[in-house]
């Protein structure tokens, strides 16, 4: 069994572009634990424990998804009080992102996985153990990223460090 999730796939260069936003957010909310740069991602669907047969079916279904590449503009930092995370998010969610997430959720639910959240709120976790007011919100200079792929990731502990390993990258393309 592996702990898996679907996420947008950011390049190393895009993850580097997120660093100044993470640093700014950390300065606004001291005492948080920064997420490692190579773990910065935007989850589409968290699966949890998945066996090998389920993983093969999920990958096969995900490769059939029809979704175009799109632009994602991130422009504010906010905080979830449970779990205690500081995150970067878009004020306007692109339709293409919502449609992609819905397609991924449908294939996951068809395999028997349930969504752990009532409604989808796309965000990039910048830091954990954040103690912020529930209404914490900070507008930032917009950062626009071009999204051209998503991936199935595995969450693993390597030498006491959490790492997200890309198992299968799926390009976005319209049909």
N, C-alpha and C. Protein backbone atom coordinates (compact mmCIF):
# COMPACT_ATOMS: atom_id res chain seq x y z
N UNK A 1 0.85 -1.19 0.00
CA UNK A 1 0.00 0.00 0.00
C UNK A 1 0.89 1.25 0.00
N UNK A 2 0.47 2.22 -0.77
CA UNK A 2 1.19 3.49 -0.84
C UNK A 2 0.23 4.63 -0.57
N UNK A 3 0.74 5.70 0.03
CA UNK A 3 -0.05 6.90 0.32
C UNK A 3 0.06 7.82 -0.91
N UNK A 4 -1.07 7.99 -1.63
CA UNK A 4 -1.03 8.67 -2.92
C UNK A 4 -2.00 9.84 -3.00
N UNK A 5 -1.70 10.74 -3.95
CA UNK A 5 -2.60 11.85 -4.26
C UNK A 5 -2.34 12.33 -5.68
N UNK A 6 -3.37 12.92 -6.29
CA UNK A 6 -3.21 13.58 -7.59
C UNK A 6 -2.98 15.07 -7.34
N UNK A 7 -2.11 15.67 -8.12
CA UNK A 7 -1.77 17.07 -7.95
C UNK A 7 -1.37 17.68 -9.29
N UNK A 8 -1.49 19.00 -9.38
CA UNK A 8 -0.87 19.69 -10.51
C UNK A 8 0.62 19.45 -10.41
N UNK A 9 1.28 19.37 -11.55
CA UNK A 9 2.72 19.15 -11.58
C UNK A 9 3.39 20.48 -11.90
N UNK A 10 4.16 20.98 -10.94
CA UNK A 10 4.93 22.21 -11.15
C UNK A 10 6.36 21.81 -11.47
N UNK A 11 6.97 22.54 -12.39
CA UNK A 11 8.39 22.32 -12.70
C UNK A 11 9.24 22.84 -11.55
N UNK A 12 10.51 22.45 -11.54
CA UNK A 12 11.43 22.95 -10.52
C UNK A 12 11.54 24.47 -10.60
N UNK A 13 11.52 25.02 -11.83
CA UNK A 13 11.59 26.48 -12.00
C UNK A 13 10.34 27.14 -11.40
N UNK A 14 9.17 26.54 -11.60
CA UNK A 14 7.95 27.10 -11.03
C UNK A 14 7.98 27.03 -9.50
N UNK A 15 8.50 25.93 -8.97
CA UNK A 15 8.61 25.82 -7.51
C UNK A 15 9.54 26.91 -6.98
N UNK A 16 10.60 27.23 -7.72
CA UNK A 16 11.50 28.31 -7.32
C UNK A 16 10.78 29.66 -7.36
N UNK A 17 9.88 29.85 -8.33
CA UNK A 17 9.10 31.09 -8.41
C UNK A 17 8.21 31.27 -7.18
N UNK A 18 7.83 30.18 -6.55
CA UNK A 18 6.96 30.23 -5.38
C UNK A 18 7.72 30.63 -4.11
N UNK A 19 9.04 30.48 -4.12
CA UNK A 19 9.84 30.74 -2.91
C UNK A 19 9.69 32.14 -2.32
N UNK A 20 9.75 33.22 -3.13
CA UNK A 20 9.58 34.55 -2.53
C UNK A 20 8.21 34.70 -1.85
N UNK A 21 7.20 34.06 -2.39
CA UNK A 21 5.86 34.12 -1.79
C UNK A 21 5.86 33.36 -0.46
N UNK A 22 6.57 32.24 -0.45
CA UNK A 22 6.66 31.47 0.79
C UNK A 22 7.42 32.28 1.85
N UNK A 23 8.52 32.91 1.47
CA UNK A 23 9.30 33.71 2.41
C UNK A 23 8.49 34.87 2.97
N UNK A 24 7.74 35.54 2.10
CA UNK A 24 6.89 36.64 2.55
C UNK A 24 5.83 36.14 3.53
N UNK A 25 5.23 35.02 3.21
CA UNK A 25 4.20 34.45 4.08
C UNK A 25 4.77 34.06 5.43
N UNK A 26 5.97 33.48 5.43
CA UNK A 26 6.60 33.08 6.69
C UNK A 26 6.91 34.28 7.56
N UNK A 27 7.27 35.39 6.93
CA UNK A 27 7.56 36.60 7.72
C UNK A 27 6.28 37.18 8.33
N UNK A 28 5.14 36.92 7.71
CA UNK A 28 3.87 37.42 8.23
C UNK A 28 3.31 36.53 9.35
N UNK A 29 3.77 35.30 9.39
CA UNK A 29 3.25 34.35 10.37
C UNK A 29 4.42 33.55 10.93
N UNK A 30 5.18 34.12 11.87
CA UNK A 30 6.36 33.44 12.40
C UNK A 30 5.97 32.18 13.19
N UNK A 31 6.95 31.29 13.33
CA UNK A 31 6.72 30.07 14.10
C UNK A 31 6.18 28.92 13.28
N UNK A 32 6.04 29.12 11.97
CA UNK A 32 5.54 28.05 11.12
C UNK A 32 6.70 27.21 10.60
N UNK A 33 6.38 26.03 10.07
CA UNK A 33 7.39 25.15 9.49
C UNK A 33 7.20 25.16 7.98
N UNK A 34 8.17 25.70 7.27
CA UNK A 34 8.09 25.82 5.81
C UNK A 34 8.04 24.45 5.14
N UNK A 35 7.24 24.35 4.10
CA UNK A 35 7.20 23.15 3.26
C UNK A 35 8.44 23.20 2.37
N UNK A 36 9.10 22.06 2.20
CA UNK A 36 10.27 22.00 1.33
C UNK A 36 9.89 22.42 -0.09
N UNK A 37 10.80 23.14 -0.74
CA UNK A 37 10.54 23.67 -2.08
C UNK A 37 10.07 22.60 -3.05
N UNK A 38 10.73 21.44 -3.04
CA UNK A 38 10.37 20.39 -4.00
C UNK A 38 9.06 19.69 -3.66
N UNK A 39 8.43 20.06 -2.54
CA UNK A 39 7.13 19.51 -2.16
C UNK A 39 5.98 20.48 -2.44
N UNK A 40 6.28 21.66 -2.95
CA UNK A 40 5.22 22.63 -3.23
C UNK A 40 4.38 22.13 -4.40
N UNK A 41 3.07 22.02 -4.17
CA UNK A 41 2.16 21.46 -5.16
C UNK A 41 0.74 21.95 -4.89
N UNK A 42 -0.16 21.66 -5.79
CA UNK A 42 -1.57 21.99 -5.62
C UNK A 42 -2.38 20.70 -5.82
N UNK A 43 -2.92 20.18 -4.73
CA UNK A 43 -3.62 18.90 -4.75
C UNK A 43 -4.93 18.98 -5.53
N UNK A 44 -5.16 17.94 -6.30
CA UNK A 44 -6.44 17.78 -7.00
C UNK A 44 -7.35 16.82 -6.24
N UNK A 45 -6.76 15.73 -5.71
CA UNK A 45 -7.53 14.75 -4.95
C UNK A 45 -6.57 13.93 -4.10
N UNK A 46 -6.83 13.85 -2.79
CA UNK A 46 -6.03 13.04 -1.89
C UNK A 46 -6.67 11.66 -1.79
N UNK A 47 -5.90 10.63 -2.07
CA UNK A 47 -6.41 9.26 -2.08
C UNK A 47 -6.19 8.53 -0.76
N UNK A 48 -5.04 8.72 -0.14
CA UNK A 48 -4.69 7.92 1.04
C UNK A 48 -4.02 6.63 0.60
N UNK A 49 -4.30 5.55 1.31
CA UNK A 49 -3.65 4.27 1.04
C UNK A 49 -4.24 3.60 -0.20
N UNK A 50 -3.35 3.24 -1.13
CA UNK A 50 -3.75 2.68 -2.42
C UNK A 50 -2.92 1.43 -2.69
N UNK A 51 -3.58 0.34 -3.13
CA UNK A 51 -2.82 -0.86 -3.47
C UNK A 51 -2.39 -0.80 -4.94
N UNK A 52 -1.56 -1.75 -5.35
CA UNK A 52 -0.97 -1.71 -6.70
C UNK A 52 -2.02 -1.82 -7.80
N UNK A 53 -3.03 -2.67 -7.60
CA UNK A 53 -4.07 -2.83 -8.62
C UNK A 53 -4.89 -1.55 -8.76
N UNK A 54 -5.24 -0.93 -7.65
CA UNK A 54 -5.98 0.33 -7.69
C UNK A 54 -5.14 1.40 -8.38
N UNK A 55 -3.87 1.44 -8.08
CA UNK A 55 -2.98 2.43 -8.68
C UNK A 55 -2.96 2.28 -10.20
N UNK A 56 -2.87 1.06 -10.69
CA UNK A 56 -2.86 0.84 -12.14
C UNK A 56 -4.16 1.33 -12.77
N UNK A 57 -5.30 1.05 -12.14
CA UNK A 57 -6.59 1.48 -12.68
C UNK A 57 -6.71 3.01 -12.64
N UNK A 58 -6.23 3.62 -11.56
CA UNK A 58 -6.29 5.09 -11.44
C UNK A 58 -5.45 5.75 -12.53
N UNK A 59 -4.25 5.24 -12.76
CA UNK A 59 -3.36 5.81 -13.79
C UNK A 59 -4.00 5.65 -15.17
N UNK A 60 -4.53 4.47 -15.44
CA UNK A 60 -5.16 4.23 -16.75
C UNK A 60 -6.33 5.19 -16.96
N UNK A 61 -7.14 5.39 -15.94
CA UNK A 61 -8.28 6.31 -16.06
C UNK A 61 -7.81 7.75 -16.19
N UNK A 62 -6.79 8.13 -15.43
CA UNK A 62 -6.28 9.51 -15.48
C UNK A 62 -5.72 9.85 -16.85
N UNK A 63 -5.14 8.87 -17.52
CA UNK A 63 -4.57 9.12 -18.85
C UNK A 63 -5.65 9.37 -19.89
N UNK A 64 -6.90 9.08 -19.56
CA UNK A 64 -8.01 9.33 -20.48
C UNK A 64 -8.64 10.71 -20.28
N UNK A 65 -8.19 11.44 -19.28
CA UNK A 65 -8.76 12.75 -18.99
C UNK A 65 -8.48 13.72 -20.13
N UNK A 66 -9.51 14.47 -20.48
CA UNK A 66 -9.40 15.48 -21.53
C UNK A 66 -9.50 16.84 -20.86
N UNK A 67 -8.40 17.55 -20.85
CA UNK A 67 -8.36 18.86 -20.21
C UNK A 67 -7.22 19.67 -20.82
N UNK A 68 -7.50 20.92 -21.17
CA UNK A 68 -6.45 21.75 -21.78
C UNK A 68 -5.49 22.31 -20.73
N UNK A 69 -4.31 22.68 -21.18
CA UNK A 69 -3.38 23.42 -20.33
C UNK A 69 -4.03 24.76 -20.00
N UNK A 70 -3.60 25.39 -18.90
CA UNK A 70 -4.22 26.65 -18.49
C UNK A 70 -3.25 27.49 -17.67
N UNK A 71 -3.64 28.74 -17.45
CA UNK A 71 -2.88 29.66 -16.60
C UNK A 71 -3.52 29.70 -15.23
N UNK A 72 -2.69 29.74 -14.20
CA UNK A 72 -3.16 29.82 -12.82
C UNK A 72 -2.50 31.04 -12.18
N UNK A 73 -3.31 31.99 -11.75
CA UNK A 73 -2.78 33.19 -11.11
C UNK A 73 -3.01 33.10 -9.61
N UNK A 74 -1.91 33.07 -8.87
CA UNK A 74 -1.93 33.01 -7.41
C UNK A 74 -1.72 34.42 -6.88
N UNK A 75 -2.58 34.85 -5.95
CA UNK A 75 -2.48 36.26 -5.55
C UNK A 75 -2.78 36.57 -4.09
N UNK A 76 -2.93 35.53 -3.27
CA UNK A 76 -3.11 35.83 -1.84
C UNK A 76 -2.66 34.67 -0.96
N UNK A 77 -2.33 35.04 0.26
CA UNK A 77 -1.97 34.08 1.29
C UNK A 77 -3.08 34.09 2.33
N UNK A 78 -3.44 32.91 2.79
CA UNK A 78 -4.46 32.80 3.83
C UNK A 78 -4.09 31.60 4.71
N UNK A 79 -4.97 31.30 5.66
CA UNK A 79 -4.65 30.27 6.64
C UNK A 79 -5.87 29.39 6.88
N UNK A 80 -5.65 28.08 6.92
CA UNK A 80 -6.66 27.15 7.42
C UNK A 80 -6.31 26.92 8.89
N UNK A 81 -7.29 27.07 9.76
CA UNK A 81 -7.00 26.85 11.18
C UNK A 81 -6.98 25.36 11.52
N UNK A 82 -7.70 24.55 10.75
CA UNK A 82 -7.66 23.09 10.91
C UNK A 82 -7.60 22.49 9.53
N UNK A 83 -6.52 21.92 9.06
CA UNK A 83 -5.23 21.85 9.74
C UNK A 83 -4.55 23.21 9.73
N UNK A 84 -3.60 23.38 10.57
CA UNK A 84 -2.93 24.67 10.72
C UNK A 84 -1.91 24.87 9.60
N UNK A 85 -2.41 25.38 8.46
CA UNK A 85 -1.51 25.61 7.33
C UNK A 85 -1.67 27.02 6.78
N UNK A 86 -0.57 27.53 6.29
CA UNK A 86 -0.52 28.81 5.61
C UNK A 86 -0.40 28.49 4.13
N UNK A 87 -1.24 29.10 3.30
CA UNK A 87 -1.27 28.69 1.90
C UNK A 87 -1.35 29.87 0.95
N UNK A 88 -0.96 29.61 -0.30
CA UNK A 88 -1.05 30.55 -1.41
C UNK A 88 -2.17 30.06 -2.31
N UNK A 89 -3.02 30.99 -2.77
CA UNK A 89 -4.19 30.57 -3.55
C UNK A 89 -4.58 31.61 -4.59
N UNK A 90 -5.41 31.19 -5.53
CA UNK A 90 -5.95 32.13 -6.51
C UNK A 90 -7.24 32.76 -6.00
N UNK A 91 -7.46 34.04 -6.31
CA UNK A 91 -8.75 34.67 -6.01
C UNK A 91 -9.80 34.20 -7.00
N UNK A 92 -9.35 33.97 -8.23
CA UNK A 92 -10.25 33.48 -9.28
C UNK A 92 -9.74 32.10 -9.71
N UNK A 93 -10.61 31.11 -9.58
CA UNK A 93 -10.23 29.74 -9.93
C UNK A 93 -10.55 29.52 -11.41
N UNK A 94 -9.55 29.18 -12.22
CA UNK A 94 -9.79 28.95 -13.64
C UNK A 94 -10.78 27.80 -13.86
N UNK A 95 -11.67 27.97 -14.82
CA UNK A 95 -12.63 26.91 -15.14
C UNK A 95 -11.90 25.61 -15.49
N UNK A 96 -10.79 25.71 -16.21
CA UNK A 96 -10.05 24.51 -16.60
C UNK A 96 -9.55 23.75 -15.37
N UNK A 97 -9.15 24.45 -14.31
CA UNK A 97 -8.72 23.79 -13.08
C UNK A 97 -9.90 23.07 -12.43
N UNK A 98 -11.03 23.75 -12.34
CA UNK A 98 -12.21 23.12 -11.74
C UNK A 98 -12.65 21.89 -12.53
N UNK A 99 -12.63 22.00 -13.84
CA UNK A 99 -13.03 20.85 -14.67
C UNK A 99 -12.05 19.69 -14.52
N UNK A 100 -10.75 19.99 -14.47
CA UNK A 100 -9.75 18.95 -14.27
C UNK A 100 -9.97 18.27 -12.91
N UNK A 101 -10.14 19.08 -11.87
CA UNK A 101 -10.34 18.51 -10.54
C UNK A 101 -11.59 17.64 -10.49
N UNK A 102 -12.65 18.07 -11.14
CA UNK A 102 -13.88 17.27 -11.15
C UNK A 102 -13.69 15.95 -11.88
N UNK A 103 -12.94 15.97 -12.97
CA UNK A 103 -12.67 14.72 -13.70
C UNK A 103 -11.82 13.77 -12.86
N UNK A 104 -10.81 14.31 -12.18
CA UNK A 104 -9.97 13.48 -11.32
C UNK A 104 -10.80 12.92 -10.16
N UNK A 105 -11.62 13.77 -9.55
CA UNK A 105 -12.47 13.31 -8.44
C UNK A 105 -13.41 12.21 -8.88
N UNK A 106 -13.99 12.34 -10.06
CA UNK A 106 -14.91 11.31 -10.57
C UNK A 106 -14.21 9.96 -10.73
N UNK A 107 -13.01 9.97 -11.30
CA UNK A 107 -12.32 8.69 -11.49
C UNK A 107 -11.90 8.09 -10.15
N UNK A 108 -11.54 8.94 -9.19
CA UNK A 108 -11.16 8.44 -7.87
C UNK A 108 -12.38 7.85 -7.14
N UNK A 109 -13.49 8.54 -7.24
CA UNK A 109 -14.72 8.05 -6.60
C UNK A 109 -15.19 6.76 -7.26
N UNK A 110 -14.99 6.62 -8.57
CA UNK A 110 -15.36 5.39 -9.27
C UNK A 110 -14.54 4.20 -8.76
N UNK A 111 -13.34 4.49 -8.23
CA UNK A 111 -12.49 3.44 -7.64
C UNK A 111 -12.77 3.25 -6.15
N UNK A 112 -13.76 3.97 -5.62
CA UNK A 112 -14.15 3.78 -4.22
C UNK A 112 -13.50 4.74 -3.23
N UNK A 113 -12.79 5.74 -3.71
CA UNK A 113 -12.17 6.71 -2.81
C UNK A 113 -13.15 7.85 -2.55
N UNK A 114 -13.13 8.37 -1.35
CA UNK A 114 -14.04 9.46 -1.01
C UNK A 114 -13.25 10.74 -0.81
N UNK A 115 -13.90 11.84 -1.12
CA UNK A 115 -13.30 13.16 -0.96
C UNK A 115 -13.36 13.53 0.51
N UNK A 116 -12.25 13.98 1.05
CA UNK A 116 -12.21 14.31 2.47
C UNK A 116 -12.71 15.73 2.76
N UNK A 117 -13.00 16.50 1.72
CA UNK A 117 -13.47 17.87 1.89
C UNK A 117 -14.79 18.07 1.16
N UNK A 118 -15.64 18.90 1.73
CA UNK A 118 -16.95 19.14 1.14
C UNK A 118 -16.85 19.89 -0.19
N UNK A 119 -15.99 20.89 -0.24
CA UNK A 119 -15.84 21.64 -1.49
C UNK A 119 -14.36 21.86 -1.78
N UNK A 120 -14.06 21.91 -3.04
CA UNK A 120 -12.67 22.02 -3.47
C UNK A 120 -12.18 23.45 -3.32
N UNK A 121 -11.09 23.64 -2.60
CA UNK A 121 -10.47 24.95 -2.41
C UNK A 121 -9.00 24.85 -2.81
N UNK A 122 -8.69 25.13 -4.08
CA UNK A 122 -7.31 24.97 -4.54
C UNK A 122 -6.35 25.89 -3.81
N UNK A 123 -5.23 25.30 -3.39
CA UNK A 123 -4.22 26.07 -2.66
C UNK A 123 -2.89 25.33 -2.69
N UNK A 124 -1.83 26.08 -2.45
CA UNK A 124 -0.49 25.52 -2.33
C UNK A 124 -0.07 25.74 -0.88
N UNK A 125 0.14 24.66 -0.15
CA UNK A 125 0.57 24.77 1.25
C UNK A 125 2.00 25.28 1.28
N UNK A 126 2.19 26.43 1.95
CA UNK A 126 3.52 27.02 2.07
C UNK A 126 4.20 26.64 3.38
N UNK A 127 3.37 26.50 4.45
CA UNK A 127 3.92 26.21 5.77
C UNK A 127 2.88 25.48 6.62
N UNK A 128 3.39 24.67 7.53
CA UNK A 128 2.55 23.94 8.48
C UNK A 128 2.74 24.51 9.88
N UNK A 129 1.90 24.09 10.79
CA UNK A 129 1.93 24.55 12.19
C UNK A 129 1.73 26.05 12.28
N UNK A 130 0.90 26.57 11.40
CA UNK A 130 0.64 28.01 11.35
C UNK A 130 -0.48 28.35 12.34
N UNK A 131 -0.21 29.29 13.19
CA UNK A 131 -1.22 29.78 14.12
C UNK A 131 -1.61 31.18 13.64
N UNK A 132 -2.75 31.25 12.97
CA UNK A 132 -3.23 32.50 12.37
C UNK A 132 -4.69 32.68 12.73
N UNK A 133 -5.15 33.89 12.62
CA UNK A 133 -6.58 34.15 12.80
C UNK A 133 -7.34 33.46 11.66
N UNK A 134 -8.54 33.00 11.94
CA UNK A 134 -9.32 32.28 10.94
C UNK A 134 -9.59 33.12 9.70
N UNK A 135 -9.68 34.43 9.87
CA UNK A 135 -9.96 35.32 8.74
C UNK A 135 -8.68 35.93 8.15
N UNK A 136 -7.52 35.36 8.49
CA UNK A 136 -6.25 35.86 7.98
C UNK A 136 -6.24 35.82 6.46
N UNK A 137 -5.88 36.94 5.84
CA UNK A 137 -5.86 37.05 4.39
C UNK A 137 -4.90 38.17 4.02
N UNK A 138 -3.97 37.90 3.14
CA UNK A 138 -3.00 38.91 2.71
C UNK A 138 -2.89 38.89 1.20
N UNK A 139 -3.27 39.99 0.57
CA UNK A 139 -3.15 40.12 -0.89
C UNK A 139 -1.67 40.23 -1.24
N UNK A 140 -1.26 39.57 -2.32
CA UNK A 140 0.12 39.61 -2.79
C UNK A 140 0.17 39.98 -4.26
N UNK A 141 1.35 40.35 -4.72
CA UNK A 141 1.52 40.58 -6.16
C UNK A 141 1.22 39.27 -6.88
N UNK A 142 0.44 39.32 -7.94
CA UNK A 142 0.05 38.08 -8.62
C UNK A 142 1.23 37.35 -9.26
N UNK A 143 1.17 36.04 -9.18
CA UNK A 143 2.13 35.17 -9.86
C UNK A 143 1.32 34.25 -10.76
N UNK A 144 1.60 34.30 -12.06
CA UNK A 144 0.87 33.45 -13.00
C UNK A 144 1.77 32.31 -13.46
N UNK A 145 1.27 31.09 -13.28
CA UNK A 145 1.98 29.88 -13.69
C UNK A 145 1.22 29.22 -14.83
N UNK A 146 1.97 28.69 -15.78
CA UNK A 146 1.36 27.92 -16.86
C UNK A 146 1.32 26.46 -16.42
N UNK A 147 0.14 25.88 -16.43
CA UNK A 147 -0.03 24.50 -15.98
C UNK A 147 -0.26 23.63 -17.21
N UNK A 148 0.61 22.65 -17.40
CA UNK A 148 0.50 21.82 -18.59
C UNK A 148 0.47 20.32 -18.27
N UNK A 149 0.52 19.98 -16.98
CA UNK A 149 0.47 18.58 -16.61
C UNK A 149 0.05 18.40 -15.16
N UNK A 150 -0.43 17.19 -14.87
CA UNK A 150 -0.70 16.82 -13.49
C UNK A 150 -0.07 15.46 -13.27
N UNK A 151 -0.07 15.00 -12.01
CA UNK A 151 0.65 13.76 -11.72
C UNK A 151 0.02 13.02 -10.56
N UNK A 152 0.32 11.74 -10.51
CA UNK A 152 0.02 10.92 -9.34
C UNK A 152 1.29 10.91 -8.51
N UNK A 153 1.15 11.30 -7.25
CA UNK A 153 2.29 11.39 -6.35
C UNK A 153 2.18 10.39 -5.21
N UNK A 154 3.34 10.00 -4.71
CA UNK A 154 3.42 9.19 -3.51
C UNK A 154 4.04 10.04 -2.40
N UNK A 155 3.45 9.97 -1.23
CA UNK A 155 3.97 10.66 -0.05
C UNK A 155 4.76 9.63 0.77
N UNK A 156 6.06 9.89 0.95
CA UNK A 156 6.93 8.96 1.67
C UNK A 156 7.83 9.71 2.65
N UNK A 157 8.29 8.98 3.66
CA UNK A 157 9.29 9.50 4.58
C UNK A 157 10.65 8.94 4.14
N UNK A 158 11.58 9.83 3.84
CA UNK A 158 12.93 9.43 3.48
C UNK A 158 13.88 10.12 4.45
N UNK A 159 14.57 9.33 5.26
CA UNK A 159 15.49 9.87 6.27
C UNK A 159 14.80 10.95 7.11
N UNK A 160 13.61 10.63 7.60
CA UNK A 160 12.82 11.50 8.49
C UNK A 160 12.39 12.81 7.81
N UNK A 161 12.37 12.80 6.48
CA UNK A 161 11.94 13.96 5.72
C UNK A 161 10.80 13.53 4.79
N UNK A 162 9.70 14.29 4.81
CA UNK A 162 8.57 14.01 3.94
C UNK A 162 8.93 14.39 2.51
N UNK A 163 8.69 13.47 1.57
CA UNK A 163 8.95 13.75 0.17
C UNK A 163 7.76 13.30 -0.66
N UNK A 164 7.47 14.09 -1.70
CA UNK A 164 6.42 13.75 -2.63
C UNK A 164 7.09 13.31 -3.93
N UNK A 165 6.92 12.05 -4.26
CA UNK A 165 7.56 11.49 -5.45
C UNK A 165 6.54 11.33 -6.56
N UNK A 166 6.85 11.87 -7.72
CA UNK A 166 5.98 11.78 -8.88
C UNK A 166 6.06 10.36 -9.45
N UNK A 167 4.92 9.67 -9.48
CA UNK A 167 4.88 8.30 -10.00
C UNK A 167 4.49 8.25 -11.47
N UNK A 168 3.57 9.12 -11.87
CA UNK A 168 3.12 9.16 -13.26
C UNK A 168 2.69 10.58 -13.60
N UNK A 169 3.33 11.17 -14.60
CA UNK A 169 3.00 12.52 -15.06
C UNK A 169 2.08 12.39 -16.27
N UNK A 170 1.01 13.18 -16.26
CA UNK A 170 0.01 13.12 -17.33
C UNK A 170 -0.11 14.52 -17.95
N UNK A 171 0.19 14.64 -19.24
CA UNK A 171 0.08 15.96 -19.88
C UNK A 171 -1.38 16.38 -20.03
N UNK A 172 -1.61 17.69 -19.93
CA UNK A 172 -2.93 18.24 -20.19
C UNK A 172 -3.01 18.54 -21.68
N UNK A 173 -4.12 18.15 -22.26
CA UNK A 173 -4.31 18.40 -23.68
C UNK A 173 -5.80 18.34 -24.00
N UNK A 174 -6.21 19.22 -24.85
CA UNK A 174 -7.60 19.23 -25.29
C UNK A 174 -7.77 18.21 -26.41
N UNK A 175 -8.94 17.64 -26.52
CA UNK A 175 -9.22 16.67 -27.59
C UNK A 175 -10.31 17.16 -28.48
